[in-house]
Amino acid sequence: MSGDSPSRITRIGSTSTATSGTSTRTRTRYDTSRQTTVIVVGGIRFWRRLNRSVGRAAASVRGTVTPAGWLLVGAALVGLGVGLPLGWIEFVLAGVVAAVLLLCAAPFLFSARAYDVSLTLARDRVVAGTEVAAHLRVENVGSGVALPGRVDIPIGAGLIDVPVPVLRKGGVFDEDLSVPALRRGVLEVGPARSVRGDPLGILRREVTWEDVHTLYVHPVTTSIPSTATGFVKDLEGNPSSQVVDSDISFHAIREYSPGDSQRHIHWKSTAKTGTLMVRQYEETRRSRMVIVLASGTEEYANDEEFELAVSAAASLGVRGIRDGRDVSVVVGGEVPEFARRSVRTSRELATVTARTLLDDLAGLDKTERVSPLGDVAGLAVEGHSDVSIGFLVCGSTPTLRMLQHAALAFPADVGVAALICDPTAEPGYRTIGATSVVTIGLLDDLRHILARSAKS
């Protein structure tokens, strides 16, 4: 054997071969890097699992013990930990009482997941200021009797709590609820939470269910007469002052010019005059109504004005959609802070149906960094060159000069009406240049004023 000493990593040995007179040296290497890697990786995984388990346990304890419960835990630890070694009876008594209360509160947490909770809404869309019916069903799916508990139902920023009595195995508790929808908006109803705890509020355990409903609270609208919507009355299109060679609305007859279509020749006039005569038509357009709704905070004096403006825009848009007109409702888009003075943005609401428009208006809020009314009107006209009537809806803050500037964004042959929503002002109708200015204090004022202006 060789005189080399073996090590932890290598072992070297030699053997003699008599026939050849030569010696052969064998080197063996033990590779422990892979085993070390496996051990390290396993340790890291175990440590991560341990951390997750401890984190979940700590979160469960924090969610179960209330502030009153932590006070009792501290009293029990201090009372027994200090009172017993020092022989202070008062501390020992306080610690024992705290420990007994904690032990008595623990059974109320049993069967926390025994409930099967389902919540249904009668409707998913409602008008602001009304209520929607809901039904809550709680079933005991546990193996034993479920102690009394409570089910909390979040409704936006509010909360409805429903006490649940003792339920036997398989027992069912049904409760009819009324969900208030006082203000316009998009409310998330749910998820329902079953809450179980002791009467003293020491311990509590919550189980959250996944059933969430979206409730659209539409703005209040008023019925507007059909002829008052755009101050125009047309079925196939609106005649304009532009004369074209081919359309629907007949206008006049002129002499034939090279390039005119032969199918437009008026043969009776040609026979009378002896000269080829062709028909002329007035260009007709689809009646597109563009409603520009101000959405900046500085364009309204208070929230009441903004809600009135949203309701007025919704009333105009719904009436136009039901009349079969092309309706576009445009609001200001959010402008980045660094480009507030140089960027114009707008956002067009969905007007496929009256429901889609009201859904978008339900979630509309006024913001600070938004394009002003004049810029939004300009962008709306650029996107819709076929506009025939325009409405500018705002609060009492914009001046008449600002409204006139916004009205200039529309073509000269387009009728523009500025709608000022001010609950403290007297309703009225006046004309400033080519712009009609309507002031309303209540939503019903819009219907009366537009009906009178359409008749005149």
Protein backbone atom coordinates (compact mmCIF):
# COMPACT_ATOMS: atom_id res chain seq x y z
CA MET A 1 0.00 0.00 0.00
CA SER A 2 1.07 3.52 -0.57
CA GLY A 3 2.15 5.72 2.22
CA ASP A 4 -0.30 8.48 1.24
CA SER A 5 -2.77 9.23 4.01
CA PRO A 6 -6.51 9.15 3.06
CA SER A 7 -8.49 12.40 3.34
CA ARG A 8 -12.18 13.29 3.51
CA ILE A 9 -12.34 14.07 -0.19
CA THR A 10 -9.89 11.63 -1.83
CA ARG A 11 -8.46 8.24 -1.14
CA ILE A 12 -5.29 7.10 -2.93
CA GLY A 13 -4.16 3.47 -3.01
CA SER A 14 -1.56 1.36 -4.96
CA THR A 15 -1.39 -2.28 -6.01
CA SER A 16 1.65 -4.23 -7.33
CA THR A 17 1.50 -6.44 -10.37
CA ALA A 18 4.19 -9.17 -10.34
CA THR A 19 4.04 -10.09 -13.98
CA SER A 20 4.80 -6.68 -15.29
CA GLY A 21 6.81 -5.37 -12.41
CA THR A 22 4.85 -2.17 -12.50
CA SER A 23 2.60 -0.61 -9.91
CA THR A 24 -0.88 0.82 -10.54
CA ARG A 25 -2.13 3.79 -8.55
CA THR A 26 -5.89 4.19 -8.12
CA ARG A 27 -7.47 7.55 -7.17
CA THR A 28 -11.00 7.63 -5.78
CA ARG A 29 -12.87 10.93 -5.24
CA TYR A 30 -15.94 11.30 -3.06
CA ASP A 31 -18.06 14.23 -4.34
CA THR A 32 -20.12 15.67 -1.51
CA SER A 33 -21.18 18.90 -3.24
CA ARG A 34 -24.49 17.42 -4.45
CA GLN A 35 -25.38 16.05 -1.02
CA THR A 36 -24.57 19.41 0.54
CA THR A 37 -26.78 21.21 -2.00
CA VAL A 38 -29.69 18.88 -1.28
CA ILE A 39 -29.34 19.48 2.43
CA VAL A 40 -29.14 23.26 2.01
CA VAL A 41 -32.13 23.40 -0.36
CA GLY A 42 -34.15 21.18 1.93
CA GLY A 43 -33.32 23.38 4.89
CA ILE A 44 -34.32 26.52 3.02
CA ARG A 45 -37.65 24.97 1.98
CA PHE A 46 -38.33 23.83 5.51
CA TRP A 47 -37.53 27.29 6.85
CA ARG A 48 -39.88 28.90 4.34
CA ARG A 49 -42.70 26.50 5.16
CA LEU A 50 -42.11 27.13 8.84
CA ASN A 51 -42.25 30.89 8.30
CA ARG A 52 -45.47 30.60 6.30
CA SER A 53 -47.05 28.39 8.94
CA VAL A 54 -46.01 30.71 11.74
CA GLY A 55 -47.27 33.71 9.74
CA ARG A 56 -50.64 32.08 9.12
CA ALA A 57 -50.93 31.10 12.77
CA ALA A 58 -50.01 34.61 13.91
CA ALA A 59 -52.52 36.14 11.48
CA SER A 60 -55.20 33.75 12.72
CA VAL A 61 -54.48 34.68 16.33
CA ARG A 62 -54.51 38.40 15.53
CA GLY A 63 -57.85 38.00 13.73
CA THR A 64 -59.35 35.95 16.56
CA VAL A 65 -58.30 37.85 19.69
CA THR A 66 -59.95 41.24 20.05
CA PRO A 67 -58.39 44.19 21.95
CA ALA A 68 -60.40 43.15 25.01
CA GLY A 69 -59.02 39.63 24.62
CA TRP A 70 -55.44 40.88 24.47
CA LEU A 71 -56.10 42.85 27.63
CA LEU A 72 -57.23 39.68 29.38
CA VAL A 73 -54.22 37.75 28.04
CA GLY A 74 -51.92 40.39 29.48
CA ALA A 75 -53.78 40.37 32.77
CA ALA A 76 -53.53 36.58 32.98
CA LEU A 77 -49.79 36.54 32.21
CA VAL A 78 -48.92 39.39 34.55
CA GLY A 79 -51.25 38.25 37.33
CA LEU A 80 -50.09 34.65 37.40
CA GLY A 81 -46.49 35.34 36.46
CA VAL A 82 -46.00 37.99 39.16
CA GLY A 83 -48.55 36.98 41.77
CA LEU A 84 -47.52 33.34 42.20
CA PRO A 85 -43.76 33.92 42.77
CA LEU A 86 -44.34 36.90 45.05
CA GLY A 87 -47.41 35.52 46.78
CA TRP A 88 -49.63 38.46 45.89
CA ILE A 89 -53.18 37.15 46.16
CA GLU A 90 -54.71 40.10 44.32
CA PHE A 91 -52.54 39.52 41.22
CA VAL A 92 -53.22 35.79 41.34
CA LEU A 93 -56.98 36.40 41.57
CA ALA A 94 -56.91 38.81 38.63
CA GLY A 95 -54.89 36.35 36.56
CA VAL A 96 -57.26 33.47 37.38
CA VAL A 97 -60.34 35.54 36.48
CA ALA A 98 -58.77 36.58 33.16
CA ALA A 99 -57.81 33.00 32.34
CA VAL A 100 -61.32 31.74 33.20
CA LEU A 101 -62.89 34.36 30.92
CA LEU A 102 -60.62 33.34 28.06
CA LEU A 103 -61.48 29.68 28.58
CA CYS A 104 -65.22 30.44 28.68
CA ALA A 105 -65.00 32.46 25.46
CA ALA A 106 -63.22 29.71 23.52
CA PRO A 107 -66.27 27.39 22.99
CA PHE A 108 -68.10 30.17 21.13
CA LEU A 109 -65.56 29.82 18.31
CA PHE A 110 -66.44 26.19 17.64
CA SER A 111 -68.21 25.36 14.35
CA ALA A 112 -67.15 28.66 12.85
CA ARG A 113 -67.32 27.14 9.37
CA ALA A 114 -70.63 25.37 9.89
CA TYR A 115 -72.55 28.01 7.93
CA ASP A 116 -73.28 27.99 4.22
CA VAL A 117 -74.25 31.57 3.36
CA SER A 118 -75.85 32.71 0.11
CA LEU A 119 -76.97 36.24 -0.80
CA THR A 120 -79.17 37.18 -3.76
CA LEU A 121 -80.35 40.55 -5.04
CA ALA A 122 -83.71 41.09 -6.72
CA ARG A 123 -82.12 43.57 -9.18
CA ASP A 124 -78.62 44.67 -10.04
CA ARG A 125 -79.65 48.17 -11.20
CA VAL A 126 -81.68 50.70 -9.28
CA VAL A 127 -82.38 54.44 -9.34
CA ALA A 128 -80.77 56.62 -6.69
CA GLY A 129 -83.00 57.24 -3.69
CA THR A 130 -84.72 53.84 -3.79
CA GLU A 131 -84.08 50.43 -2.27
CA VAL A 132 -83.49 46.97 -3.68
CA ALA A 133 -84.71 43.78 -2.08
CA ALA A 134 -82.21 41.10 -1.08
CA HIS A 135 -82.50 37.64 0.41
CA LEU A 136 -80.05 36.03 2.85
CA ARG A 137 -80.01 32.27 3.38
CA VAL A 138 -77.91 30.63 6.10
CA GLU A 139 -77.73 26.85 6.38
CA ASN A 140 -76.00 24.76 9.04
CA VAL A 141 -73.91 22.25 7.11
CA GLY A 142 -71.93 21.17 10.16
CA SER A 143 -72.15 17.91 12.05
CA GLY A 144 -73.76 19.40 15.13
CA VAL A 145 -75.69 22.35 16.52
CA ALA A 146 -74.40 25.77 15.49
CA LEU A 147 -74.38 28.35 18.25
CA PRO A 148 -75.80 31.85 17.63
CA GLY A 149 -73.74 34.03 15.34
CA ARG A 150 -73.92 37.00 13.03
CA VAL A 151 -73.60 37.62 9.30
CA ASP A 152 -72.18 40.96 8.15
CA ILE A 153 -72.93 42.17 4.62
CA PRO A 154 -70.79 45.11 3.37
CA ILE A 155 -72.65 47.52 1.08
CA GLY A 156 -70.14 49.97 -0.31
CA ALA A 157 -68.85 51.86 2.72
CA GLY A 158 -71.80 50.69 4.87
CA LEU A 159 -72.56 47.45 6.64
CA ILE A 160 -75.67 45.43 7.44
CA ASP A 161 -75.44 42.90 10.26
CA VAL A 162 -77.97 40.09 10.58
CA PRO A 163 -78.11 38.05 13.83
CA VAL A 164 -78.40 34.30 13.25
CA PRO A 165 -80.08 32.15 15.94
CA VAL A 166 -79.14 28.64 17.03
CA LEU A 167 -79.37 26.24 14.10
CA ARG A 168 -79.67 22.51 14.34
CA LYS A 169 -77.90 20.22 11.91
CA GLY A 170 -79.33 20.97 8.49
CA GLY A 171 -81.30 23.94 9.82
CA VAL A 172 -81.95 26.93 7.55
CA PHE A 173 -82.36 30.61 8.42
CA ASP A 174 -83.92 32.92 5.81
CA GLU A 175 -83.99 36.70 6.07
CA ASP A 176 -85.37 39.30 3.66
CA LEU A 177 -83.28 42.45 3.54
CA SER A 178 -83.64 45.90 2.03
CA VAL A 179 -80.45 47.36 0.57
CA PRO A 180 -80.57 51.17 0.56
CA ALA A 181 -79.32 52.95 -2.56
CA LEU A 182 -79.55 56.57 -1.54
CA ARG A 183 -76.75 58.00 -3.68
CA ARG A 184 -75.65 57.44 -7.25
CA GLY A 185 -72.69 55.13 -7.66
CA VAL A 186 -71.48 51.59 -8.20
CA LEU A 187 -71.77 49.57 -4.99
CA GLU A 188 -70.16 46.26 -4.16
CA VAL A 189 -72.61 44.19 -2.10
CA GLY A 190 -70.67 41.53 -0.25
CA PRO A 191 -68.84 39.38 0.36
CA ALA A 192 -70.88 38.17 3.31
CA ARG A 193 -68.94 37.41 6.48
CA SER A 194 -70.13 34.98 9.14
CA VAL A 195 -68.95 36.26 12.52
CA ARG A 196 -68.87 34.09 15.59
CA GLY A 197 -67.78 35.30 19.01
CA ASP A 198 -68.58 35.38 22.70
CA PRO A 199 -71.06 37.85 24.21
CA LEU A 200 -68.26 39.83 25.91
CA GLY A 201 -66.35 40.40 22.66
CA ILE A 202 -63.18 38.68 23.85
CA LEU A 203 -62.72 36.31 20.92
CA ARG A 204 -64.19 36.34 17.42
CA ARG A 205 -63.71 34.42 14.23
CA GLU A 206 -64.77 35.49 10.74
CA VAL A 207 -65.35 33.42 7.63
CA THR A 208 -65.66 35.35 4.35
CA TRP A 209 -67.72 34.02 1.46
CA GLU A 210 -66.98 34.71 -2.18
CA ASP A 211 -70.45 35.85 -3.29
CA VAL A 212 -70.09 39.50 -4.42
CA HIS A 213 -72.75 41.47 -6.30
CA THR A 214 -72.28 44.72 -8.20
CA LEU A 215 -75.17 47.15 -7.77
CA TYR A 216 -75.45 50.04 -10.23
CA VAL A 217 -77.24 53.01 -8.71
CA HIS A 218 -78.36 55.05 -11.72
CA PRO A 219 -78.87 58.80 -11.61
CA VAL A 220 -82.39 60.15 -11.37
CA THR A 221 -83.80 61.07 -14.78
CA THR A 222 -86.85 62.94 -15.99
CA SER A 223 -89.01 62.31 -19.03
CA ILE A 224 -88.26 64.82 -21.80
CA PRO A 225 -90.62 65.26 -24.77
CA SER A 226 -89.23 63.76 -27.94
CA THR A 227 -89.39 66.98 -29.97
CA ALA A 228 -87.49 68.93 -27.32
CA THR A 229 -84.39 66.76 -27.34
CA GLY A 230 -82.56 68.30 -30.24
CA PHE A 231 -84.90 71.12 -31.26
CA VAL A 232 -85.23 69.22 -34.56
CA LYS A 233 -87.92 66.92 -35.94
CA ASP A 234 -86.75 64.39 -38.47
CA LEU A 235 -87.18 60.71 -39.23
CA GLU A 236 -84.83 59.93 -42.13
CA GLY A 237 -82.36 62.73 -41.57
CA ASN A 238 -82.12 66.45 -40.99
CA PRO A 239 -82.11 68.75 -44.03
CA SER A 240 -79.17 71.15 -44.07
CA SER A 241 -78.37 74.26 -46.07
CA GLN A 242 -75.91 72.39 -48.31
CA VAL A 243 -77.22 71.44 -51.79
CA VAL A 244 -75.98 68.21 -53.36
CA ASP A 245 -76.75 66.30 -56.53
CA SER A 246 -77.88 63.08 -54.91
CA ASP A 247 -79.82 62.64 -51.66
CA ILE A 248 -83.36 62.18 -50.36
CA SER A 249 -84.76 65.66 -49.70
CA PHE A 250 -85.68 67.30 -53.06
CA HIS A 251 -84.71 70.96 -53.32
CA ALA A 252 -84.80 72.41 -56.87
CA ILE A 253 -84.10 71.85 -60.59
CA ARG A 254 -81.14 73.19 -62.57
CA GLU A 255 -79.69 72.79 -66.03
CA TYR A 256 -77.72 69.71 -66.91
CA SER A 257 -73.94 69.91 -66.61
CA PRO A 258 -71.40 67.48 -68.03
CA GLY A 259 -70.81 64.73 -65.52
CA ASP A 260 -74.31 64.73 -64.01
CA SER A 261 -75.97 61.36 -63.64
CA GLN A 262 -78.69 60.64 -66.18
CA ARG A 263 -80.93 59.07 -63.59
CA HIS A 264 -81.36 62.51 -61.97
CA ILE A 265 -82.72 64.11 -65.15
CA HIS A 266 -86.16 65.61 -64.64
CA TRP A 267 -87.88 64.67 -67.91
CA LYS A 268 -91.01 66.73 -67.46
CA SER A 269 -89.02 69.94 -67.03
CA THR A 270 -86.77 68.90 -69.89
CA ALA A 271 -89.80 68.48 -72.18
CA LYS A 272 -91.18 71.90 -71.22
CA THR A 273 -87.95 73.86 -71.58
CA GLY A 274 -86.30 71.86 -74.32
CA THR A 275 -83.11 71.76 -72.22
CA LEU A 276 -81.88 68.91 -70.07
CA MET A 277 -82.77 69.62 -66.45
CA VAL A 278 -81.59 67.68 -63.39
CA ARG A 279 -82.78 67.51 -59.82
CA GLN A 280 -80.96 69.03 -56.82
CA TYR A 281 -81.26 67.84 -53.23
CA GLU A 282 -80.60 69.13 -49.77
CA GLU A 283 -77.93 67.18 -47.95
CA THR A 284 -79.42 65.15 -45.13
CA ARG A 285 -77.60 64.05 -41.99
CA ARG A 286 -78.20 61.70 -39.16
CA SER A 287 -79.28 63.57 -36.06
CA ARG A 288 -76.23 63.23 -33.80
CA MET A 289 -76.54 64.80 -30.40
CA VAL A 290 -73.32 65.53 -28.53
CA ILE A 291 -73.58 66.08 -24.77
CA VAL A 292 -70.46 67.53 -23.16
CA LEU A 293 -70.59 67.06 -19.39
CA ALA A 294 -68.16 69.02 -17.23
CA SER A 295 -66.39 66.76 -14.72
CA GLY A 296 -63.89 69.11 -13.06
CA THR A 297 -64.09 69.97 -9.40
CA GLU A 298 -63.67 73.70 -10.12
CA GLU A 299 -66.65 73.62 -12.51
CA TYR A 300 -69.14 72.99 -9.71
CA ALA A 301 -69.80 74.86 -6.50
CA ASN A 302 -70.81 71.74 -4.56
CA ASP A 303 -71.76 68.09 -4.95
CA GLU A 304 -75.46 68.93 -5.33
CA GLU A 305 -74.75 70.80 -8.56
CA PHE A 306 -72.73 67.89 -9.93
CA GLU A 307 -75.49 65.37 -9.19
CA LEU A 308 -78.04 67.63 -10.89
CA ALA A 309 -75.77 67.95 -13.93
CA VAL A 310 -75.32 64.18 -14.18
CA SER A 311 -79.09 63.67 -13.95
CA ALA A 312 -79.69 66.30 -16.65
CA ALA A 313 -77.12 64.74 -18.99
CA ALA A 314 -78.61 61.30 -18.36
CA SER A 315 -82.12 62.57 -19.16
CA LEU A 316 -80.98 64.12 -22.44
CA GLY A 317 -78.97 61.06 -23.44
CA VAL A 318 -81.69 58.54 -22.64
CA ARG A 319 -84.28 60.55 -24.55
CA GLY A 320 -82.01 60.77 -27.59
CA ILE A 321 -81.22 57.04 -27.54
CA ARG A 322 -84.90 56.13 -27.28
CA ASP A 323 -85.67 58.42 -30.21
CA GLY A 324 -83.19 56.50 -32.33
CA ARG A 325 -80.66 59.31 -32.61
CA ASP A 326 -76.91 58.96 -32.52
CA VAL A 327 -75.90 60.17 -29.06
CA SER A 328 -72.40 60.89 -27.79
CA VAL A 329 -71.79 61.77 -24.14
CA VAL A 330 -68.26 63.11 -23.59
CA VAL A 331 -66.56 64.01 -20.31
CA GLY A 332 -63.11 65.30 -19.53
CA GLY A 333 -60.27 62.85 -19.20
CA GLU A 334 -57.66 62.89 -16.47
CA VAL A 335 -54.64 65.05 -17.28
CA PRO A 336 -51.18 64.22 -15.86
CA GLU A 337 -49.88 66.77 -13.41
CA PHE A 338 -46.72 67.56 -15.38
CA ALA A 339 -48.70 68.23 -18.61
CA ARG A 340 -51.74 69.92 -17.18
CA ARG A 341 -51.59 73.00 -19.42
CA SER A 342 -50.60 71.39 -22.69
CA VAL A 343 -52.63 68.19 -22.95
CA ARG A 344 -56.30 67.86 -23.78
CA THR A 345 -58.04 64.60 -22.97
CA SER A 346 -61.61 63.39 -23.11
CA ARG A 347 -63.51 60.20 -22.48
CA GLU A 348 -66.65 59.09 -24.29
CA LEU A 349 -69.23 57.09 -22.40
CA ALA A 350 -70.94 54.01 -23.80
CA THR A 351 -74.22 54.96 -25.52
CA VAL A 352 -75.11 51.66 -27.19
CA THR A 353 -78.26 51.49 -25.07
CA ALA A 354 -79.80 53.58 -22.35
CA ARG A 355 -78.65 51.01 -19.78
CA THR A 356 -74.99 51.21 -20.79
CA LEU A 357 -75.09 55.00 -20.61
CA LEU A 358 -76.65 54.97 -17.16
CA ASP A 359 -74.12 52.37 -16.00
CA ASP A 360 -71.23 54.62 -17.01
CA LEU A 361 -72.85 57.67 -15.45
CA ALA A 362 -73.39 55.74 -12.22
CA GLY A 363 -69.62 55.44 -11.73
CA LEU A 364 -68.74 59.00 -12.82
CA ASP A 365 -67.05 61.29 -10.30
CA LYS A 366 -65.67 64.78 -10.60
CA THR A 367 -61.91 65.15 -10.26
CA GLU A 368 -59.37 67.93 -9.98
CA ARG A 369 -56.93 67.15 -12.81
CA VAL A 370 -59.31 67.03 -15.76
CA SER A 371 -59.68 68.90 -19.05
CA PRO A 372 -62.03 71.91 -18.83
CA LEU A 373 -65.35 72.17 -20.62
CA GLY A 374 -64.04 74.15 -23.60
CA ASP A 375 -61.26 71.66 -24.39
CA VAL A 376 -63.61 68.70 -24.09
CA ALA A 377 -66.10 70.36 -26.46
CA GLY A 378 -63.36 70.87 -29.03
CA LEU A 379 -62.29 67.24 -28.83
CA ALA A 380 -65.91 66.08 -29.09
CA VAL A 381 -66.46 68.06 -32.30
CA GLU A 382 -63.20 66.77 -33.77
CA GLY A 383 -64.35 63.23 -33.17
CA HIS A 384 -67.89 63.76 -34.48
CA SER A 385 -68.07 65.97 -37.54
CA ASP A 386 -71.73 65.02 -38.14
CA VAL A 387 -72.99 66.69 -34.97
CA SER A 388 -76.35 68.45 -35.39
CA ILE A 389 -77.11 69.57 -31.83
CA GLY A 390 -74.81 70.09 -28.86
CA PHE A 391 -75.39 70.44 -25.14
CA LEU A 392 -72.89 71.87 -22.66
CA VAL A 393 -73.78 70.73 -19.14
CA CYS A 394 -71.99 72.34 -16.18
CA GLY A 395 -72.47 73.89 -12.76
CA SER A 396 -72.72 77.51 -11.69
CA THR A 397 -68.96 78.19 -11.63
CA PRO A 398 -68.24 78.66 -15.40
CA THR A 399 -68.96 82.20 -16.60
CA LEU A 400 -70.99 83.14 -19.68
CA ARG A 401 -67.78 84.03 -21.50
CA MET A 402 -66.42 80.53 -20.83
CA LEU A 403 -69.65 78.98 -22.11
CA GLN A 404 -69.55 81.08 -25.28
CA HIS A 405 -65.95 80.05 -25.84
CA ALA A 406 -66.92 76.39 -25.48
CA ALA A 407 -69.87 76.85 -27.86
CA LEU A 408 -67.54 78.23 -30.55
CA ALA A 409 -66.01 74.76 -30.85
CA PHE A 410 -69.17 73.63 -32.67
CA PRO A 411 -69.75 74.48 -36.35
CA ALA A 412 -71.84 77.54 -37.14
CA ASP A 413 -74.80 75.52 -38.44
CA VAL A 414 -75.06 73.45 -35.24
CA GLY A 415 -77.47 74.46 -32.51
CA VAL A 416 -75.76 74.69 -29.11
CA ALA A 417 -77.47 74.88 -25.73
CA ALA A 418 -75.60 75.51 -22.47
CA LEU A 419 -77.24 73.92 -19.45
CA ILE A 420 -76.33 75.53 -16.11
CA CYS A 421 -77.24 73.43 -13.07
CA ASP A 422 -77.65 75.63 -9.99
CA PRO A 423 -80.11 74.51 -7.27
CA THR A 424 -80.10 78.04 -5.80
CA ALA A 425 -80.94 79.87 -9.05
CA GLU A 426 -84.26 80.62 -10.70
CA PRO A 427 -84.97 78.48 -13.77
CA GLY A 428 -84.84 80.37 -17.02
CA TYR A 429 -84.10 80.37 -20.74
CA ARG A 430 -82.25 83.03 -22.71
CA THR A 431 -80.19 83.41 -25.85
CA ILE A 432 -76.70 84.87 -25.92
CA GLY A 433 -75.61 85.24 -29.52
CA ALA A 434 -76.21 81.89 -31.21
CA THR A 435 -76.09 79.97 -27.93
CA SER A 436 -79.17 79.07 -25.89
CA VAL A 437 -78.55 79.23 -22.14
CA VAL A 438 -80.83 77.15 -19.92
CA THR A 439 -80.67 77.48 -16.13
CA ILE A 440 -82.33 74.85 -13.97
CA GLY A 441 -82.68 74.54 -10.22
CA LEU A 442 -84.54 71.22 -10.25
CA LEU A 443 -84.49 68.34 -12.69
CA ASP A 444 -88.12 68.89 -13.65
CA ASP A 445 -87.24 72.41 -14.80
CA LEU A 446 -85.33 70.85 -17.71
CA ARG A 447 -88.44 69.14 -19.05
CA HIS A 448 -90.62 72.24 -18.80
CA ILE A 449 -88.09 74.63 -20.35
CA LEU A 450 -87.20 72.36 -23.26
CA ALA A 451 -90.87 71.66 -23.96
CA ARG A 452 -91.66 75.41 -24.08
CA SER A 453 -88.65 76.19 -26.27
CA ALA A 454 -89.58 73.40 -28.70
CA LYS A 455 -93.11 74.78 -29.10
CA SER A 456 -91.84 78.31 -29.72
